[in-house]
Protein backbone atom coordinates (compact mmCIF):
# COMPACT_ATOMS: atom_id res chain seq x y z
CA MET A 1 -30.28 24.56 -28.70
CA SER A 2 -32.50 26.50 -30.98
CA LEU A 3 -33.52 29.99 -30.97
CA ARG A 4 -36.79 30.84 -30.11
CA ARG A 5 -38.63 33.99 -30.80
CA ALA A 6 -41.74 35.28 -28.70
CA THR A 7 -43.90 37.80 -28.12
CA VAL A 8 -45.02 39.20 -24.46
CA THR A 9 -48.35 39.91 -23.82
CA VAL A 10 -50.30 41.07 -20.87
CA ALA A 11 -52.51 38.12 -20.70
CA VAL A 12 -56.70 38.77 -20.32
CA PRO A 13 -58.69 36.74 -17.62
CA LEU A 14 -58.93 33.03 -18.60
CA PRO A 15 -60.75 30.05 -17.10
CA PRO A 16 -58.68 28.47 -14.09
CA PRO A 17 -56.60 26.13 -14.92
CA THR A 18 -57.18 22.40 -14.07
CA PRO A 19 -55.37 21.18 -11.19
CA THR A 20 -53.06 18.69 -11.62
CA PRO A 21 -51.15 16.32 -8.45
CA PRO A 22 -48.23 17.81 -6.62
CA GLN A 23 -45.04 17.17 -8.66
CA LEU A 24 -42.31 18.69 -5.76
CA ARG A 25 -42.27 17.97 -2.12
CA ILE A 26 -42.89 21.42 -1.21
CA LEU A 27 -46.46 21.44 -2.90
CA SER A 28 -47.53 19.12 -0.42
CA ARG A 29 -47.40 22.18 1.82
CA LEU A 30 -48.46 24.89 0.09
CA SER A 31 -51.80 24.55 -2.90
CA ALA A 32 -50.62 25.37 -6.04
CA ALA A 33 -51.57 26.44 -9.63
CA PRO A 34 -49.72 23.07 -11.82
CA CYS A 35 -46.35 23.67 -13.07
CA ARG A 36 -46.50 24.64 -16.78
CA ARG A 37 -43.68 22.44 -18.46
CA CYS A 38 -44.81 22.61 -22.29
CA SER A 39 -46.34 25.84 -23.08
CA SER A 40 -44.74 29.03 -23.81
CA ASN A 41 -47.54 31.13 -22.98
CA PRO A 42 -49.37 29.42 -20.02
CA LYS A 43 -52.85 30.41 -18.83
CA PRO A 44 -52.47 33.21 -15.88
CA SER A 45 -53.06 31.22 -12.33
CA PRO A 46 -56.00 32.63 -11.03
CA LEU A 47 -54.12 34.46 -8.22
CA LEU A 48 -52.47 36.36 -10.73
CA ARG A 49 -55.80 37.82 -12.38
CA ARG A 50 -56.27 41.15 -11.52
CA GLN A 51 -54.95 44.81 -12.61
CA TRP A 52 -51.38 45.55 -12.46
CA MET A 53 -49.49 48.63 -12.30
CA LEU A 54 -46.57 47.82 -14.57
CA PRO A 55 -48.21 47.13 -18.09
CA SER A 56 -45.67 44.05 -18.33
CA PRO A 57 -43.68 41.99 -15.70
CA SER A 58 -41.26 41.93 -18.22
CA ALA A 59 -37.31 43.13 -17.61
CA PRO A 60 -34.06 43.39 -19.93
CA ILE A 61 -31.92 40.27 -18.87
CA HIS A 62 -28.63 40.37 -19.08
CA ALA A 63 -25.72 37.62 -18.78
CA ILE A 64 -22.67 38.63 -16.84
CA SER A 65 -19.51 36.70 -17.04
CA PHE A 66 -15.85 37.15 -14.97
CA THR A 67 -12.52 36.17 -14.61
CA LYS A 68 -10.84 35.87 -11.91
CA THR A 69 -7.55 37.94 -11.51
CA SER A 70 -6.78 37.41 -8.24
CA SER A 71 -7.93 35.84 -5.03
CA SER A 72 -10.20 38.59 -4.33
CA SER A 73 -10.65 40.57 -7.90
CA PHE A 74 -12.47 40.02 -10.81
CA THR A 75 -12.74 41.44 -14.31
CA TYR A 76 -16.74 41.52 -15.63
CA TYR A 77 -17.86 41.65 -18.89
CA SER A 78 -22.06 42.25 -19.73
CA ASN A 79 -24.04 40.62 -22.80
CA GLY A 80 -27.38 42.34 -22.84
CA LEU A 81 -29.70 39.79 -23.91
CA SER A 82 -33.28 39.69 -25.07
CA VAL A 83 -35.81 37.35 -23.65
CA SER A 84 -35.98 35.26 -26.77
CA HIS A 85 -32.09 34.99 -26.84
CA LEU A 86 -31.64 33.47 -23.43
CA ARG A 87 -31.82 29.91 -24.38
CA SER A 88 -29.59 29.91 -27.50
CA ALA A 89 -27.11 31.53 -25.19
CA GLU A 90 -26.57 28.77 -22.66
CA GLU A 91 -24.72 27.04 -25.29
CA THR A 92 -21.95 29.99 -25.62
CA LYS A 93 -22.60 31.31 -22.09
CA PRO A 94 -18.99 30.78 -19.79
CA SER A 95 -19.07 28.95 -17.05
CA SER A 96 -18.37 31.44 -14.53
CA SER A 97 -21.63 33.65 -14.94
CA PHE A 98 -24.80 34.63 -13.84
CA TYR A 99 -28.08 36.29 -15.23
CA LEU A 100 -29.33 39.91 -13.94
CA ILE A 101 -32.58 40.61 -14.29
CA ARG A 102 -32.54 44.64 -14.73
CA ASP A 103 -35.53 45.73 -12.42
CA ASP A 104 -33.11 48.79 -12.11
CA LEU A 105 -34.60 49.94 -15.92
CA LEU A 106 -38.28 49.35 -15.29
CA HIS A 107 -39.11 53.48 -14.89
CA PRO A 108 -37.17 56.25 -14.77
CA LEU A 109 -37.69 56.67 -10.64
CA VAL A 110 -39.86 53.82 -10.04
CA ASN A 111 -38.20 50.54 -10.51
CA GLY A 112 -36.56 47.61 -8.89
CA ASN A 113 -38.28 46.06 -5.74
CA LYS A 114 -40.04 49.03 -4.97
CA ALA A 115 -42.07 49.19 -8.46
CA ARG A 116 -42.68 45.19 -7.83
CA LYS A 117 -43.90 45.89 -4.38
CA LEU A 118 -46.32 48.95 -5.77
CA ASP A 119 -47.34 46.15 -9.08
CA ALA A 120 -50.75 45.29 -7.01
CA ILE A 121 -50.86 48.09 -4.28
CA ILE A 122 -51.73 50.70 -6.43
CA PRO A 123 -53.94 49.56 -8.26
CA LEU A 124 -56.32 48.08 -5.07
CA ILE A 125 -55.62 51.90 -3.89
CA LEU A 126 -57.02 53.33 -6.82
CA ARG A 127 -59.97 50.89 -7.19
CA HIS A 128 -61.05 52.38 -3.77
CA ALA A 129 -60.67 55.85 -4.92
CA ALA A 130 -57.86 56.94 -2.32
CA THR A 131 -57.15 60.68 -2.36
CA ASP A 132 -54.16 60.75 -0.26
CA LEU A 133 -51.21 58.24 0.69
CA ILE A 134 -49.35 58.24 4.25
CA THR A 135 -45.84 56.39 4.38
CA CYS A 136 -42.81 56.51 6.24
CA GLY A 137 -38.80 56.01 5.41
CA GLY A 138 -35.55 57.01 6.05
CA ALA A 139 -34.16 60.75 4.43
CA GLN A 140 -33.09 58.43 1.38
CA SER A 141 -35.62 55.90 1.49
CA ALA A 142 -36.41 54.72 -2.37
CA HIS A 143 -39.66 54.00 -1.23
CA THR A 144 -41.31 56.87 -0.39
CA ALA A 145 -39.74 58.49 -3.38
CA ALA A 146 -41.35 55.76 -5.72
CA LEU A 147 -44.79 55.83 -3.76
CA ALA A 148 -45.27 60.03 -4.05
CA VAL A 149 -44.10 59.62 -8.17
CA CYS A 150 -46.91 56.93 -8.41
CA CYS A 151 -49.50 59.03 -6.33
CA ALA A 152 -48.19 61.98 -8.77
CA GLU A 153 -48.85 60.36 -11.42
CA ARG A 154 -52.10 58.98 -10.64
CA GLY A 155 -53.96 61.96 -9.26
CA MET A 156 -53.62 61.18 -5.31
CA ARG A 157 -51.49 63.31 -2.91
CA ALA A 158 -48.20 61.60 -0.53
CA HIS A 159 -47.55 62.43 2.60
CA LEU A 160 -44.10 61.16 3.72
CA LEU A 161 -42.58 61.11 7.19
CA LEU A 162 -38.86 60.43 7.05
CA ARG A 163 -36.72 59.62 9.91
CA GLY A 164 -34.38 62.20 11.53
CA GLU A 165 -33.00 65.55 9.96
CA GLN A 166 -33.50 67.40 6.83
CA PRO A 167 -30.41 67.39 4.78
CA ALA A 168 -27.97 70.14 4.16
CA VAL A 169 -28.64 69.65 0.62
CA PRO A 170 -31.72 67.26 -0.85
CA THR A 171 -30.42 64.94 -3.41
CA GLY A 172 -31.27 61.27 -4.88
CA TYR A 173 -34.26 60.00 -3.37
CA ASN A 174 -34.65 62.63 -0.79
CA LEU A 175 -34.86 65.26 -3.74
CA LEU A 176 -37.88 63.02 -5.64
CA SER A 177 -39.62 62.84 -2.02
CA LEU A 178 -39.51 66.26 -1.72
CA MET A 179 -40.96 67.08 -5.58
CA TYR A 180 -43.16 64.87 -5.92
CA GLY A 181 -44.76 64.58 -2.13
CA SER A 182 -45.50 66.39 0.73
CA VAL A 183 -42.73 65.55 3.33
CA SER A 184 -42.35 65.99 7.18
CA TYR A 185 -39.15 65.05 9.08
CA VAL A 186 -39.88 63.41 12.26
CA PRO A 187 -37.89 62.61 15.44
CA ARG A 188 -36.37 59.50 15.89
CA SER A 189 -38.03 59.10 19.17
CA VAL A 190 -41.35 59.44 17.50
CA TYR A 191 -40.48 57.28 14.52
CA ALA A 192 -39.87 54.51 16.65
CA ASN A 193 -43.35 53.73 17.20
CA ARG A 194 -44.39 53.63 13.59
CA LYS A 195 -47.91 52.56 13.66
CA GLU A 196 -49.03 55.54 16.39
CA MET A 197 -47.06 57.90 14.23
CA LEU A 198 -48.58 57.08 10.82
CA MET A 199 -52.08 56.44 12.03
CA LYS A 200 -51.85 60.48 13.81
CA HIS A 201 -50.66 61.59 10.76
CA ALA A 202 -53.36 59.80 8.66
CA GLU A 203 -56.27 61.31 10.98
CA LEU A 204 -54.35 64.88 10.81
CA VAL A 205 -54.86 64.90 7.07
CA ALA A 206 -58.49 63.25 6.71
CA GLY A 207 -59.61 65.98 9.00
CA ASP A 208 -63.06 66.00 10.67
CA LEU A 209 -64.87 63.59 8.70
CA VAL A 210 -61.88 60.61 9.65
CA ASN A 211 -61.34 57.90 6.79
CA VAL A 212 -58.66 56.28 7.00
CA VAL A 213 -57.50 52.59 6.23
CA TRP A 214 -54.81 50.78 5.91
CA ALA A 215 -53.36 49.61 2.60
CA ASP A 216 -53.98 45.64 3.59
CA TYR A 217 -57.20 46.12 5.28
CA ILE A 218 -58.55 47.07 1.69
CA LEU A 219 -57.51 43.37 0.82
CA ASN A 220 -60.36 42.31 3.12
CA LEU A 221 -63.01 44.18 1.46
CA GLU A 222 -65.69 42.35 -1.12
CA ASN A 223 -67.24 44.30 -3.81
CA ASP A 224 -66.39 47.63 -1.89
CA GLU A 225 -69.45 46.85 0.00
CA LEU A 226 -67.90 48.77 2.99
CA SER A 227 -67.53 52.11 0.70
CA LEU A 228 -70.68 52.32 -1.26
CA ASN A 229 -73.57 54.41 -0.64
CA ASP A 230 -77.21 53.16 -1.64
CA ASN A 231 -76.88 54.38 -5.70
CA GLY A 232 -73.49 52.55 -5.81
CA THR A 233 -71.51 55.23 -5.74
CA PRO A 234 -68.52 55.30 -3.64
CA LEU A 235 -68.68 57.34 0.09
CA TRP A 236 -65.94 59.27 -0.17
CA LYS A 237 -67.09 60.70 -3.53
CA ASP A 238 -69.86 62.23 -2.17
CA GLY A 239 -69.02 65.75 -1.29
CA ASN A 240 -65.28 66.31 -0.56
CA VAL A 241 -64.31 63.79 1.77
CA ARG A 242 -61.02 62.87 1.81
CA ARG A 243 -59.94 58.87 1.67
CA VAL A 244 -56.47 58.33 3.19
CA VAL A 245 -54.67 55.15 2.87
CA ILE A 246 -51.93 53.88 4.82
CA VAL A 247 -48.98 52.24 3.37
CA ASN A 248 -46.24 50.56 5.77
CA GLU A 249 -42.82 51.50 5.54
CA GLY A 250 -41.17 49.82 2.58
CA ALA A 251 -44.45 48.33 1.38
CA GLY A 252 -44.25 45.04 3.77
CA SER A 253 -47.55 44.26 3.07
CA VAL A 254 -49.60 40.83 1.79
CA ALA A 255 -50.13 42.72 -1.73
CA ALA A 256 -46.53 43.81 -2.41
CA LEU A 257 -45.69 39.85 -2.42
CA LEU A 258 -48.17 39.68 -5.36
CA GLY A 259 -45.99 41.82 -7.69
CA LEU A 260 -43.04 39.15 -6.97
CA VAL A 261 -44.98 36.04 -7.39
CA ARG A 262 -46.09 37.85 -11.13
CA LEU A 263 -42.27 38.23 -11.89
CA VAL A 264 -41.45 34.34 -10.85
CA GLU A 265 -44.63 33.38 -13.27
CA TYR A 266 -43.01 35.68 -16.22
CA LEU A 267 -39.35 34.23 -15.96
CA SER A 268 -40.79 30.51 -15.42
CA GLN A 269 -42.31 30.57 -19.26
CA THR A 270 -40.37 28.24 -21.35
CA HIS A 271 -38.89 30.77 -23.52
CA ILE A 272 -36.97 32.13 -20.72
CA PHE A 273 -35.65 30.19 -17.57
CA GLY A 274 -38.89 27.57 -17.71
CA THR A 275 -39.47 25.40 -15.27
CA ASP A 276 -37.44 22.56 -15.15
CA GLN A 277 -33.64 23.74 -14.45
CA LYS A 278 -32.67 24.69 -10.97
CA ILE A 279 -32.13 28.23 -10.28
CA THR A 280 -30.74 29.68 -7.37
CA VAL A 281 -32.33 33.13 -7.27
CA VAL A 282 -30.04 36.12 -5.18
CA VAL A 283 -31.32 39.00 -3.78
CA ASP A 284 -30.76 41.84 -1.34
CA ALA A 285 -32.75 41.95 1.58
CA GLY A 286 -33.43 45.46 3.60
CA THR A 287 -37.21 44.54 5.00
CA GLY A 288 -36.93 40.81 3.41
CA THR A 289 -40.50 41.23 1.29
CA THR A 290 -39.20 40.75 -1.91
CA ALA A 291 -37.23 37.65 -1.30
CA ILE A 292 -40.02 36.18 0.74
CA GLY A 293 -42.47 37.14 -2.29
CA LEU A 294 -40.17 35.26 -4.87
CA ALA A 295 -39.94 32.53 -2.82
CA LEU A 296 -43.95 32.18 -2.71
CA GLY A 297 -43.92 32.63 -6.07
CA ILE A 298 -41.82 29.93 -6.55
CA ALA A 299 -43.60 27.47 -4.31
CA TYR A 300 -47.15 28.66 -5.78
CA LEU A 301 -45.88 27.41 -9.03
CA GLY A 302 -43.88 24.35 -7.83
CA LEU A 303 -40.53 25.54 -9.48
CA PRO A 304 -37.49 23.35 -8.50
CA TRP A 305 -35.88 26.93 -7.61
CA LYS A 306 -34.65 28.91 -4.40
CA VAL A 307 -33.95 31.98 -3.22
CA VAL A 308 -31.00 33.28 -1.44
CA ALA A 309 -31.43 36.64 0.39
CA VAL A 310 -28.58 38.62 1.88
CA MET A 311 -29.43 39.65 4.89
CA LEU A 312 -28.80 43.58 5.24
CA ALA A 313 -30.71 45.50 7.87
CA ASP A 314 -31.70 43.03 10.58
CA THR A 315 -30.61 39.84 12.43
CA LYS A 316 -31.56 36.14 10.94
CA GLU A 317 -34.20 35.62 13.38
CA LYS A 318 -36.03 38.98 12.81
CA TYR A 319 -36.05 37.74 8.70
CA GLU A 320 -37.38 34.44 9.58
CA GLU A 321 -39.87 35.85 11.97
CA CYS A 322 -41.06 38.36 9.18
CA GLU A 323 -41.17 35.16 6.78
CA LYS A 324 -43.29 33.65 9.30
CA SER A 325 -45.69 36.59 9.53
CA LEU A 326 -45.99 37.38 5.78
CA ILE A 327 -46.66 33.89 4.91
CA SER A 328 -49.40 33.44 7.54
CA ASP A 329 -51.13 36.71 6.11
CA PHE A 330 -50.93 35.50 2.94
CA LYS A 331 -52.62 32.38 3.72
CA ARG A 332 -55.33 34.37 5.71
CA VAL A 333 -55.80 36.62 2.64
CA TYR A 334 -55.46 34.44 -0.18
CA GLY A 335 -56.70 31.33 1.36
CA LEU A 336 -53.42 28.98 0.70
CA GLU A 337 -52.39 26.18 2.58
CA SER A 338 -49.49 27.33 4.75
CA LEU A 339 -46.16 25.96 4.62
CA GLU A 340 -44.96 24.43 7.42
CA ASP A 341 -43.79 26.48 10.78
CA ASP A 342 -40.76 25.21 11.48
CA GLU A 343 -39.82 25.00 7.73
CA GLY A 344 -38.87 28.59 5.74
CA ILE A 345 -38.93 28.99 2.28
CA VAL A 346 -35.93 31.50 2.21
CA GLN A 347 -32.14 30.94 2.83
CA TRP A 348 -31.10 33.94 4.71
CA VAL A 349 -27.38 34.21 4.60
CA GLU A 350 -24.81 36.98 5.84
CA ARG A 351 -23.32 39.57 3.52
CA LEU A 352 -19.62 38.57 2.62
CA HIS A 353 -18.39 41.26 4.48
CA PRO A 354 -20.61 42.06 7.35
CA ARG A 355 -20.83 45.92 8.43
CA ARG A 356 -23.70 47.78 10.12
CA PHE A 357 -26.48 48.59 7.72
CA GLY A 358 -26.21 51.93 5.80
CA LYS A 359 -22.19 52.14 6.32
CA VAL A 360 -20.13 51.61 3.80
CA LEU A 361 -16.90 49.81 3.98
CA ASP A 362 -13.08 50.83 1.73
CA GLY A 363 -13.06 50.14 -1.47
CA GLU A 364 -17.03 49.31 -2.16
CA ILE A 365 -17.71 52.42 -3.78
CA ASP A 366 -14.39 51.87 -5.95
CA LEU A 367 -16.21 48.34 -6.76
CA CYS A 368 -19.36 49.68 -8.01
CA ARG A 369 -17.45 52.34 -10.12
CA GLN A 370 -15.73 49.43 -12.03
CA ILE A 371 -18.41 47.33 -12.36
CA ALA A 372 -20.52 50.26 -13.77
CA ARG A 373 -17.32 51.02 -16.30
CA GLN A 374 -16.66 47.18 -17.41
CA THR A 375 -20.70 46.42 -17.68
CA GLY A 376 -22.66 49.43 -17.49
CA VAL A 377 -24.56 48.36 -14.73
CA PRO A 378 -25.13 50.75 -11.76
CA LEU A 379 -24.99 49.14 -8.09
CA ASP A 380 -24.96 50.87 -4.88
CA PRO A 381 -22.97 49.50 -2.03
CA VAL A 382 -25.31 49.41 0.44
CA TYR A 383 -27.79 47.04 -1.20
CA THR A 384 -27.29 45.87 -4.94
CA LEU A 385 -23.53 45.37 -4.41
CA ALA A 386 -24.26 42.42 -1.46
CA ALA A 387 -26.11 40.55 -3.98
CA TRP A 388 -23.78 40.75 -6.98
CA GLU A 389 -20.84 39.46 -4.77
CA GLN A 390 -23.21 36.41 -3.50
CA ALA A 391 -24.25 35.75 -7.18
CA VAL A 392 -20.43 35.91 -8.32
CA LEU A 393 -19.59 33.47 -5.28
CA PHE A 394 -22.20 31.17 -6.43
CA ALA A 395 -21.19 31.60 -9.97
CA ASP A 396 -17.92 30.30 -9.15
CA SER A 397 -18.93 27.59 -6.51
CA GLU A 398 -18.57 24.12 -7.44
CA ASP A 399 -21.61 23.50 -4.80
CA GLU A 400 -23.92 25.33 -7.23
CA LYS A 401 -22.42 23.91 -10.81
CA ASP A 402 -26.10 22.52 -11.24
CA SER A 403 -27.93 25.41 -10.84
CA GLN A 404 -28.23 28.47 -12.89
CA VAL A 405 -27.65 31.53 -10.66
CA VAL A 406 -29.87 34.82 -11.24
CA MET A 407 -29.65 37.94 -9.57
CA LEU A 408 -32.22 39.88 -8.96
CA HIS A 409 -31.19 44.09 -9.50
CA THR A 410 -33.53 45.70 -7.06
CA GLY A 411 -32.76 49.33 -7.92
CA GLY A 412 -31.87 51.71 -5.57
CA THR A 413 -29.10 53.34 -7.71
CA LEU A 414 -30.20 56.97 -6.77
CA GLY A 415 -29.27 56.55 -3.30
CA LEU A 416 -25.23 57.00 -4.58
CA PHE A 417 -26.46 60.89 -4.68
CA GLY A 418 -27.14 60.42 -0.63
CA LEU A 419 -23.74 58.44 -0.39
CA ALA A 420 -21.36 61.46 -2.52
CA GLN A 421 -22.78 63.63 0.13
CA ARG A 422 -21.46 61.29 3.12
CA TYR A 423 -18.00 59.72 1.45
CA ALA A 424 -17.41 62.77 -0.66
CA SER A 425 -13.64 61.85 -1.20
CA ASP A 426 -14.32 57.97 -2.84
CA PHE A 427 -16.16 60.23 -5.66
CA SER A 428 -13.92 63.07 -6.04
CA SER A 429 -11.42 61.56 -8.25
CA SER A 430 -11.64 60.49 -11.60
CA VAL A 431 -9.47 57.32 -11.00
CA PRO A 432 -10.77 54.84 -8.25
CA ASN A 433 -8.80 54.85 -5.34
CA ARG A 434 -7.47 51.06 -4.86
CA HIS A 435 -8.62 49.70 -1.32
CA ALA A 436 -8.55 46.44 0.14
CA LEU A 437 -11.92 44.91 1.51
C-alpha cells in the first residue's frame, strides 16, 4: 500500500453535502451525513459546523504490538506514527497489535475525553458570556480540574464542589482544582442530590440578581433571543451582573457528545482509517458519555465500526439507561431521527478483572509501570488499563481478526498521584513487585 501525505486543517463552513441513499442498515434508524468514501478532505457535516475549543481534532496515533510470553503475560512494543504513515504501516504491522489514539497528549492539563467533551461546550458557554461555571466531582476528578483550567485560560471563574473530605496532601487533579478553581468540599449525604446541590451553590454565586442556567439549556437558545437587550447587547454584560452556568458532573450532556462525533469524523478520513474497513473502538467507561458520543458519530456517518465500552462505575442496566437518555436528548436538540428504543449502539462489557470502582487490585499498578517502560504510554489502573486489557484481548482474538482494533486513550494519568498516596508501597520500590492478577 502506497504512502500518502496529507495536511490536516480546520475546515471552514461549506454548503451542506448532497444527501445520498442509506448505505448501511444503521442509517435506516438515524438520519446521517453521507459516507464519504473517496475524498481525503471531506466537507464538514452540518452538525459539526460550529466553534470548537480544540484548534484541531487530531491526536497522535501509535501502533502497539505485543507478544505473549505466558498464558497471562505480555511484552509490548510501541511504534509512534504520524497520521500519514498509518496506511503504509498496515503492510508491516504485526498481527497481534492495535492502534492507540493518544488523546492524553491533547493538552498538558486538559486532555483525554475531558478535552473532547469540553470541545463544543466551552465555545457555547463563551458565546453566552458566562462569568462563572459551577460543576462537581470527586476529590481527584479530572473533569473538575479540566474545567477549572479551561475557565482560567478564558477569563471565567470555576466553582468546584468536590465530594467528601479534603485530602491531607493535595496532589494530582485535586491540586489542579485548588490551583485553578474555587473549591468547596461537600459531605457525601449532600452530594447525593447533585442537582439540588449545584443549583443552590449557583444561586449563591449569582447573588441577588439570580442569573443561572444549565449548560444544556444554552443549546435551546436561538440567536441569543432570551439574552439580548433592546440594543442587542447581552443582558449580563450590562453592569456587574454575574452569569452563572452549571455543567453536569463529568460534563455528561448533549453538547459533550459533539466533540466525540468530531473525532470520529476526523478518524474516518481516507488517509487515516477511512470508511470501508471494520473497526472496533475500545474505550473505558466512567459515566459512559464518551462511548455514547463515539457510537453516535459512527451511526451519524454510517461507518462499519463498533464501540466496545468497558464498564467501570455502574451496572449494565444503568449504562443502557444513560445511553437511551442521551440519544433521546441528542434527537431532541439536533432534530435527528432516533435509534430504535430496544436496540443500543454501544457494546457494554465487564472489565477483565471486576472490582469495586476506584479500588486497585494487586499487580495492576505494576502492570501500568511495565507498559510505561516498554512503550512510553502512561496508563492508570482505574480507567485506561481496563481499556488496554480489552484491546489486547480483541487484538489477540480470532473472533476480531476481520476488524482493526483501536483504543482511545482517555487521559486521566494525573490520577496516579492520588493513587500513590493510597497505595504507597506499590510505588516505593524501583523494581516493581510481581503480583498475579
